[in-house]
Protein backbone atom coordinates (compact mmCIF):
# COMPACT_ATOMS: atom_id res chain seq x y z
CA MET A 1 117.04 71.93 73.62
CA PHE A 2 116.16 75.60 74.25
CA PRO A 3 118.77 78.14 73.01
CA TYR A 4 120.68 80.39 75.30
CA VAL A 5 119.77 83.98 74.83
CA GLU A 6 122.72 86.32 75.24
CA HIS A 7 120.82 89.54 75.27
CA GLU A 8 117.74 89.45 77.60
CA LYS A 9 114.76 91.66 76.74
CA ILE A 10 114.67 93.07 80.46
CA SER A 11 118.09 93.15 81.90
CA THR A 12 118.80 93.20 85.62
CA THR A 13 119.61 96.81 85.44
CA VAL A 14 116.32 97.63 83.74
CA LEU A 15 114.50 95.56 86.33
CA PHE A 16 116.24 97.59 89.13
CA ILE A 17 115.16 100.78 87.52
CA VAL A 18 111.50 99.74 86.91
CA SER A 19 110.95 97.90 90.22
CA LEU A 20 112.75 100.23 92.53
CA VAL A 21 113.85 103.62 91.23
CA ALA A 22 110.65 104.40 89.25
CA PRO A 23 108.28 103.61 92.08
CA ALA A 24 110.46 105.56 94.44
CA VAL A 25 110.50 108.69 92.37
CA ILE A 26 106.64 108.37 91.56
CA ILE A 27 105.98 108.04 95.45
CA PHE A 28 107.91 111.09 96.22
CA PHE A 29 106.38 113.41 93.72
CA ILE A 30 102.90 112.17 94.54
CA VAL A 31 103.38 112.70 98.27
CA MET A 32 104.90 116.23 97.68
CA ILE A 33 102.08 117.26 95.47
CA LEU A 34 98.89 115.70 96.82
CA VAL A 35 99.58 115.59 100.57
CA PRO A 36 97.75 116.71 102.75
CA GLY A 37 95.13 117.21 100.32
CA PRO A 38 91.88 119.37 100.35
CA THR A 39 90.94 118.37 103.97
CA ALA A 40 93.72 120.44 105.48
CA PRO A 41 92.07 123.67 107.07
CA LYS A 42 93.07 126.97 105.80
CA GLY A 43 95.68 128.51 107.76
CA THR A 44 97.38 125.20 108.75
CA PRO A 45 101.02 126.02 109.72
CA LYS A 46 103.35 125.03 107.02
CA SER A 47 105.49 123.20 109.44
CA LEU A 48 102.75 120.81 110.11
CA ILE A 49 102.04 120.26 106.39
CA LEU A 50 105.76 119.66 105.79
CA LYS A 51 105.83 117.23 108.73
CA ARG A 52 102.93 115.30 107.20
CA LYS A 53 104.55 115.24 103.88
CA LEU A 54 107.83 113.83 105.26
CA TRP A 55 105.93 111.24 107.22
CA GLU A 56 103.90 110.06 104.15
CA TRP A 57 107.16 109.99 102.15
CA ASN A 58 108.98 107.96 104.81
CA VAL A 59 106.36 105.24 105.08
CA GLY A 60 105.94 105.11 101.29
CA TRP A 61 109.50 104.28 100.75
CA LEU A 62 109.71 102.02 103.97
CA GLY A 63 106.93 99.85 102.36
CA LEU A 64 108.53 99.79 99.05
CA ALA A 65 111.97 98.81 100.53
CA LEU A 66 110.36 96.13 102.69
CA ALA A 67 108.56 94.57 99.78
CA LEU A 68 111.62 94.39 97.55
CA ALA A 69 113.95 93.23 100.41
CA LEU A 70 111.71 90.41 101.37
CA SER A 71 111.25 89.41 97.72
CA PHE A 72 115.04 89.41 97.20
CA PHE A 73 115.54 87.42 100.38
CA PHE A 74 113.17 84.74 99.71
CA THR A 75 113.90 84.39 96.01
CA GLN A 76 117.52 84.13 96.40
CA GLY A 77 117.19 81.74 99.33
CA MET A 78 114.88 79.44 97.29
CA LYS A 79 117.07 79.65 94.21
CA ASN A 80 120.11 78.42 96.16
CA MET A 81 118.16 75.91 98.17
CA PHE A 82 116.33 74.12 95.14
CA GLY A 83 118.77 74.58 92.24
CA LYS A 84 116.27 73.89 89.51
CA PRO A 85 117.66 73.78 86.03
CA ARG A 86 116.78 76.53 83.65
CA PRO A 87 115.26 75.58 80.29
CA ASP A 88 118.47 76.70 78.53
CA LEU A 89 120.83 74.77 80.79
CA LEU A 90 121.88 72.30 78.20
CA SER A 91 122.70 75.26 75.71
CA ARG A 92 124.84 76.83 78.30
CA CYS A 93 126.58 73.61 79.15
CA ASN A 94 127.17 72.21 75.69
CA PRO A 95 127.65 68.76 77.18
CA ASN A 96 130.17 66.13 75.98
CA THR A 97 127.48 63.51 75.23
CA GLU A 98 129.86 61.21 73.29
CA ASN A 99 131.64 60.28 76.51
CA GLN A 100 128.96 60.76 79.11
CA ALA A 101 129.81 57.59 80.82
CA ASP A 102 132.97 59.14 81.98
CA TYR A 103 131.16 61.71 83.91
CA ALA A 104 128.58 59.35 85.45
CA LEU A 105 127.86 59.68 89.22
CA GLY A 106 127.12 56.39 91.10
CA GLY A 107 124.42 53.88 90.20
CA TYR A 108 124.42 51.07 87.66
CA PRO A 109 125.64 52.47 84.30
CA ARG A 110 123.68 50.07 82.16
CA ALA A 111 120.38 49.96 84.43
CA LEU A 112 118.66 52.80 82.55
CA ASN A 113 119.68 51.87 79.15
CA GLY A 114 122.38 54.27 78.72
CA LEU A 115 120.94 57.08 80.94
CA TYR A 116 123.42 58.58 83.50
CA LEU A 117 123.31 60.94 86.27
CA VAL A 118 126.51 63.14 85.41
CA SER A 119 128.35 65.90 87.06
CA SER A 120 128.81 69.43 85.76
CA THR A 121 132.19 68.57 84.57
CA ILE A 122 130.41 67.02 81.41
CA CYS A 123 130.01 70.66 80.13
CA ARG A 124 132.42 71.85 77.46
CA ASN A 125 131.64 75.47 78.61
CA LYS A 126 134.08 76.23 81.49
CA ASP A 127 132.37 79.42 82.42
CA MET A 128 131.21 78.30 85.91
CA ALA A 129 129.25 81.55 86.70
CA LYS A 130 127.07 80.91 83.62
CA ILE A 131 126.75 77.10 84.67
CA ASP A 132 125.79 77.87 88.16
CA ASP A 133 123.21 80.55 87.01
CA GLY A 134 121.78 77.79 84.87
CA PHE A 135 120.63 76.12 88.06
CA SER A 136 118.67 79.10 89.36
CA SER A 137 115.22 78.57 87.70
CA PHE A 138 112.82 78.43 90.62
CA PRO A 139 111.50 80.93 91.48
CA SER A 140 111.78 83.59 88.84
CA GLY A 141 113.59 86.60 90.25
CA HIS A 142 112.36 89.05 87.58
CA SER A 143 108.91 87.97 88.29
CA SER A 144 109.01 88.23 92.20
CA TYR A 145 110.80 91.60 92.00
CA SER A 146 108.81 93.18 89.37
CA TRP A 147 105.49 92.18 90.97
CA ALA A 148 106.73 93.17 94.43
CA GLY A 149 107.58 96.69 93.29
CA MET A 150 104.69 97.23 90.71
CA THR A 151 102.16 95.80 92.95
CA TYR A 152 103.16 97.99 95.76
CA LEU A 153 103.08 101.15 93.46
CA ALA A 154 99.61 100.07 92.18
CA LEU A 155 98.34 99.90 95.71
CA PHE A 156 99.91 103.20 96.55
CA LEU A 157 98.41 104.87 93.65
CA ALA A 158 94.95 103.30 94.26
CA SER A 159 95.15 104.54 97.77
CA LYS A 160 96.22 108.23 97.08
CA PHE A 161 93.68 108.60 94.07
CA SER A 162 90.77 106.56 95.75
CA VAL A 163 90.53 103.93 93.18
CA ALA A 164 88.68 101.04 94.91
CA ILE A 165 85.60 98.98 94.29
CA PRO A 166 82.56 100.65 95.80
CA PHE A 167 81.50 99.09 99.18
CA LEU A 168 78.86 99.53 102.07
CA LEU A 169 80.12 100.49 105.44
CA PRO A 170 79.86 97.53 108.01
CA PHE A 171 77.04 99.49 109.89
CA PRO A 172 73.76 100.67 108.40
CA TYR A 173 72.87 104.39 107.90
CA SER A 174 69.39 103.50 109.13
CA ASN A 175 67.27 100.58 110.35
CA ASN A 176 64.68 101.27 107.87
CA SER A 177 64.73 98.26 105.49
CA SER A 178 63.34 100.50 102.63
CA ALA A 179 66.92 101.63 101.99
CA ALA A 180 67.30 98.76 99.55
CA ASN A 181 64.22 99.86 97.46
CA ALA A 182 64.72 101.40 93.93
CA TYR A 183 62.69 104.44 95.22
CA SER A 184 62.22 105.81 98.70
CA GLY A 185 58.84 105.96 100.37
CA ASP A 186 58.13 109.52 99.41
CA GLY A 187 58.58 108.86 95.72
CA SER A 188 61.94 110.45 95.60
CA ALA A 189 65.04 108.64 94.30
CA TYR A 190 67.01 110.27 97.00
CA GLY A 191 65.33 109.80 100.25
CA PRO A 192 63.26 112.06 102.38
CA SER A 193 66.11 114.14 103.79
CA GLN A 194 68.19 114.25 100.74
CA SER A 195 68.08 116.09 97.39
CA PRO A 196 70.26 115.37 94.23
CA THR A 197 72.49 118.35 95.19
CA LYS A 198 72.55 117.76 98.98
CA GLU A 199 75.50 116.09 100.48
CA PHE A 200 74.54 113.56 103.32
CA SER A 201 76.26 112.70 106.57
CA ILE A 202 76.06 109.51 108.56
CA VAL A 203 75.00 111.43 111.70
CA ASN A 204 72.45 113.92 110.37
CA ASP A 205 70.63 111.86 107.71
CA SER A 206 67.97 109.46 108.93
CA HIS A 207 67.69 107.49 105.78
CA VAL A 208 70.03 107.05 102.81
CA PRO A 209 69.34 104.35 99.96
CA LEU A 210 71.85 101.73 99.70
CA ARG A 211 72.59 102.64 96.07
CA LYS A 212 73.47 106.31 97.22
CA GLN A 213 76.01 105.08 99.86
CA ALA A 214 79.01 104.54 97.41
CA ALA A 215 79.84 105.12 93.72
CA ALA A 216 82.51 103.82 91.30
CA PRO A 217 85.54 106.01 90.87
CA PRO A 218 86.05 107.68 87.41
CA THR A 219 86.94 105.18 84.83
CA TYR A 220 90.14 107.05 83.64
CA LEU A 221 91.61 106.64 87.15
CA LEU A 222 91.77 102.89 86.56
CA ILE A 223 94.67 103.52 84.20
CA LEU A 224 96.96 104.53 87.10
CA PRO A 225 97.08 101.16 89.02
CA LEU A 226 96.88 99.25 85.69
CA ILE A 227 100.07 100.65 84.28
CA PRO A 228 102.37 99.09 86.81
CA ILE A 229 100.43 95.85 86.70
CA CYS A 230 100.88 95.54 82.99
CA ALA A 231 104.49 96.29 83.36
CA ALA A 232 104.79 93.46 85.70
CA ILE A 233 103.03 91.09 83.40
CA TYR A 234 105.31 92.05 80.52
CA ILE A 235 108.57 91.68 82.62
CA SER A 236 107.33 88.19 83.71
CA SER A 237 106.38 87.22 80.15
CA THR A 238 109.93 87.89 78.82
CA ARG A 239 111.38 85.34 81.25
CA TYR A 240 109.46 82.69 79.38
CA SER A 241 110.25 84.01 75.86
CA ASP A 242 113.96 84.27 76.78
CA PHE A 243 113.86 80.75 77.99
CA ARG A 244 115.18 81.61 81.39
CA HIS A 245 112.20 80.03 83.37
CA HIS A 246 109.64 77.40 83.30
CA GLY A 247 106.02 78.51 83.49
CA PHE A 248 105.52 77.36 87.10
CA ASP A 249 108.66 79.31 88.14
CA ILE A 250 107.14 82.52 86.71
CA ILE A 251 103.71 81.98 88.23
CA PHE A 252 105.15 81.17 91.64
CA GLY A 253 107.44 84.15 91.62
CA SER A 254 104.64 86.44 90.54
CA LEU A 255 102.41 85.30 93.22
CA MET A 256 105.14 85.59 95.85
CA GLY A 257 105.83 89.06 94.83
CA LEU A 258 102.27 90.09 94.82
CA LEU A 259 101.65 88.67 98.41
CA ILE A 260 104.73 90.29 99.75
CA ALA A 261 103.82 93.64 98.23
CA TYR A 262 100.29 93.46 99.56
CA THR A 263 101.65 92.66 103.16
CA SER A 264 104.32 95.41 103.05
CA PHE A 265 101.55 98.01 101.88
CA ARG A 266 99.17 97.00 104.60
CA LEU A 267 101.73 97.13 107.28
CA TYR A 268 102.20 100.83 106.63
CA HIS A 269 99.05 102.01 105.13
CA LEU A 270 95.33 102.11 105.92
CA PRO A 271 92.85 100.04 104.02
CA ILE A 272 92.32 101.62 100.49
CA ARG A 273 88.60 101.73 100.65
CA ARG A 274 88.28 103.28 104.11
CA GLY A 275 91.69 104.93 104.83
CA GLY A 276 91.35 108.14 102.89
CA GLY A 277 94.70 107.59 101.32
CA TRP A 278 96.51 107.92 104.53
CA SER A 279 99.26 105.79 106.09
CA TRP A 280 99.40 104.63 109.83
CA ALA A 281 100.50 107.26 112.23
CA PRO A 282 103.99 106.62 113.95
CA ARG A 283 104.32 104.47 117.08
CA SER A 284 103.96 106.25 120.42
CA PRO A 285 107.47 107.13 121.76
CA SER A 286 107.10 104.97 124.82
CA ARG A 287 106.32 101.81 122.59
CA ALA A 288 108.88 102.66 119.84
CA PHE A 289 110.88 99.55 120.29
CA GLY A 290 108.25 97.04 121.69
CA VAL A 291 105.22 96.64 123.82
CA GLY A 292 105.72 93.55 125.79
CA VAL A 293 103.11 91.00 126.91
CA GLY A 294 99.64 92.19 127.90
CA ARG A 295 99.57 95.37 125.80
CA THR A 296 97.29 95.81 122.84
CA GLY A 297 99.30 97.76 120.34
CA TYR A 298 101.96 100.31 119.51
CA VAL A 299 99.80 103.39 119.97
CA ILE A 300 98.42 104.82 123.05
CA ASN A 301 96.26 107.88 123.70
CA GLU A 302 98.59 110.47 125.23
CA ASP A 303 95.75 112.41 126.66
CA ALA A 304 94.55 109.39 128.47
CA HIS A 305 97.97 108.42 129.75
CA PRO A 306 99.66 111.49 131.36
CA ARG A 307 103.54 111.83 131.51
CA LYS A 308 105.23 111.92 134.86
CA ASP A 309 106.25 115.67 134.53
CA ASP A 310 102.46 116.46 133.88
CA LEU A 311 101.44 114.60 136.91
CA GLU A 312 104.05 116.12 139.22
CA SER A 313 103.30 119.58 138.11
CA GLY A 314 99.52 119.03 138.20
CA LYS A 315 99.20 120.42 134.67
CA TYR A 316 97.16 117.79 132.94
CA PRO A 317 94.11 119.21 131.14
CA ALA A 318 92.48 115.89 130.41
CA MET A 319 92.27 115.12 134.17
CA GLU A 320 91.08 118.46 135.06
CA SER A 321 88.20 118.20 132.36
CA SER A 322 87.44 114.77 133.70
CA ASP A 323 87.22 115.98 137.23
CA ALA A 324 85.12 118.83 136.35
CA GLY A 325 82.77 116.59 134.53
CA LEU A 326 82.68 114.23 137.31
CA ARG A 327 81.86 117.15 139.74
CA ASP A 328 79.12 118.35 137.55
CA GLY A 329 77.59 114.83 137.37
CA MET A 330 77.66 114.55 141.24
CA SER A 331 76.13 118.01 141.68
CA SER A 332 73.32 117.28 139.15
CA SER A 333 72.63 113.88 140.84
CA GLN A 334 72.51 115.44 144.27
CA THR A 335 69.98 118.08 142.94
CA GLN A 336 67.76 115.30 141.64
CA ARG A 337 67.83 113.52 144.91
CA VAL A 338 66.83 116.79 146.59
C-alpha cells in the first residue's frame, strides 16, 4: 500500500506558474526584443514594426493558450471517463477491511475466496473530495499540462533562435553531381564560384557543395529549448515519486501534451527549419470566418483579387500593369510577324 503524500513536490499552483505564466512572460519579452530582427530595412516606420511585434505576440499567446486548453480538456475528460485508481488510493481510503463483506456489491461473496467488489462506503475517511480524486490517475494532468506548455515554449525558442537540425533544401542548387564530393573540381573546398568569405545565393551561384549548404547551430543555443524540456521531465517524475500516478499514466499524459503542443505550434507558426522564426500571416479579411467548399485556403493575394471599389473606380494598379504587359507582348509579336 503506497502512502498518501500530503505535500506534493509540484503543487497545482506551481504547475500553473511553470506551464502558463512563465512561458507567456518569456514569449512576450522575446517578441518585444527580437522582432522584427536584422532583416528589417533601415527607415522602416515604427508603426509597421509595432504592428509586427503585436502580431507575433498575439499568435505566440494564441498557440500557448490553445495547447494548454486542449490539454486540460482531454485530460479532465479522460480522468472522469476512466476513473482509474491512483496508487495511493488505499491510503486515502483507509478501508474497513474487517467488515468488508458488509460493503460488497453483487456477485457471490464466497466465489473468489473472500475477495469482494466493494463500494466507496468502505472507506473510513469521509472526505469525499479526497476519495474522488483518488480515482483520477489516468492520464497524469501534471504531465500533460507541463509537457504542453514546456514543449510549446521549447519550439518557440527553437524557432526564434534558429535552433534546428541542419537540412538540405528539397531542390538542388545545381544538377552537377560533384556537389557531393569532398572537394570541388577545381581543387577548392568551396566550389568554383565561392571563397571562404563569400556568401552564396541560390540564384547566382552555379555550384555549391552539399556540405556547405547548411550548418549546425551554436552548441550553447541548445540550452534554450532543453531547459523547458528538462522542467517537464522533472514535473512528470514527481508524480511517480509522490505516488500520484502509475508509470503508464505519466507516459501517456506526457506524449499527449507533447503532441498537442506541436500541433498548436504548427497551427500558428512556420516550420522551424525553413520559417525564419516567423508565424503565419493573418487570414484575409474576406475569409476570416471561413472559406467554404472549393477554395484552397484562408489567404488570398489581394493584388490578384481586386476589391469592388477598385474595379468601379478603375484604380487597380495590378490590372493596369498586366494590361500594359499584355499590350507590349502583342506589339512585339506583331513586329516579329512583320
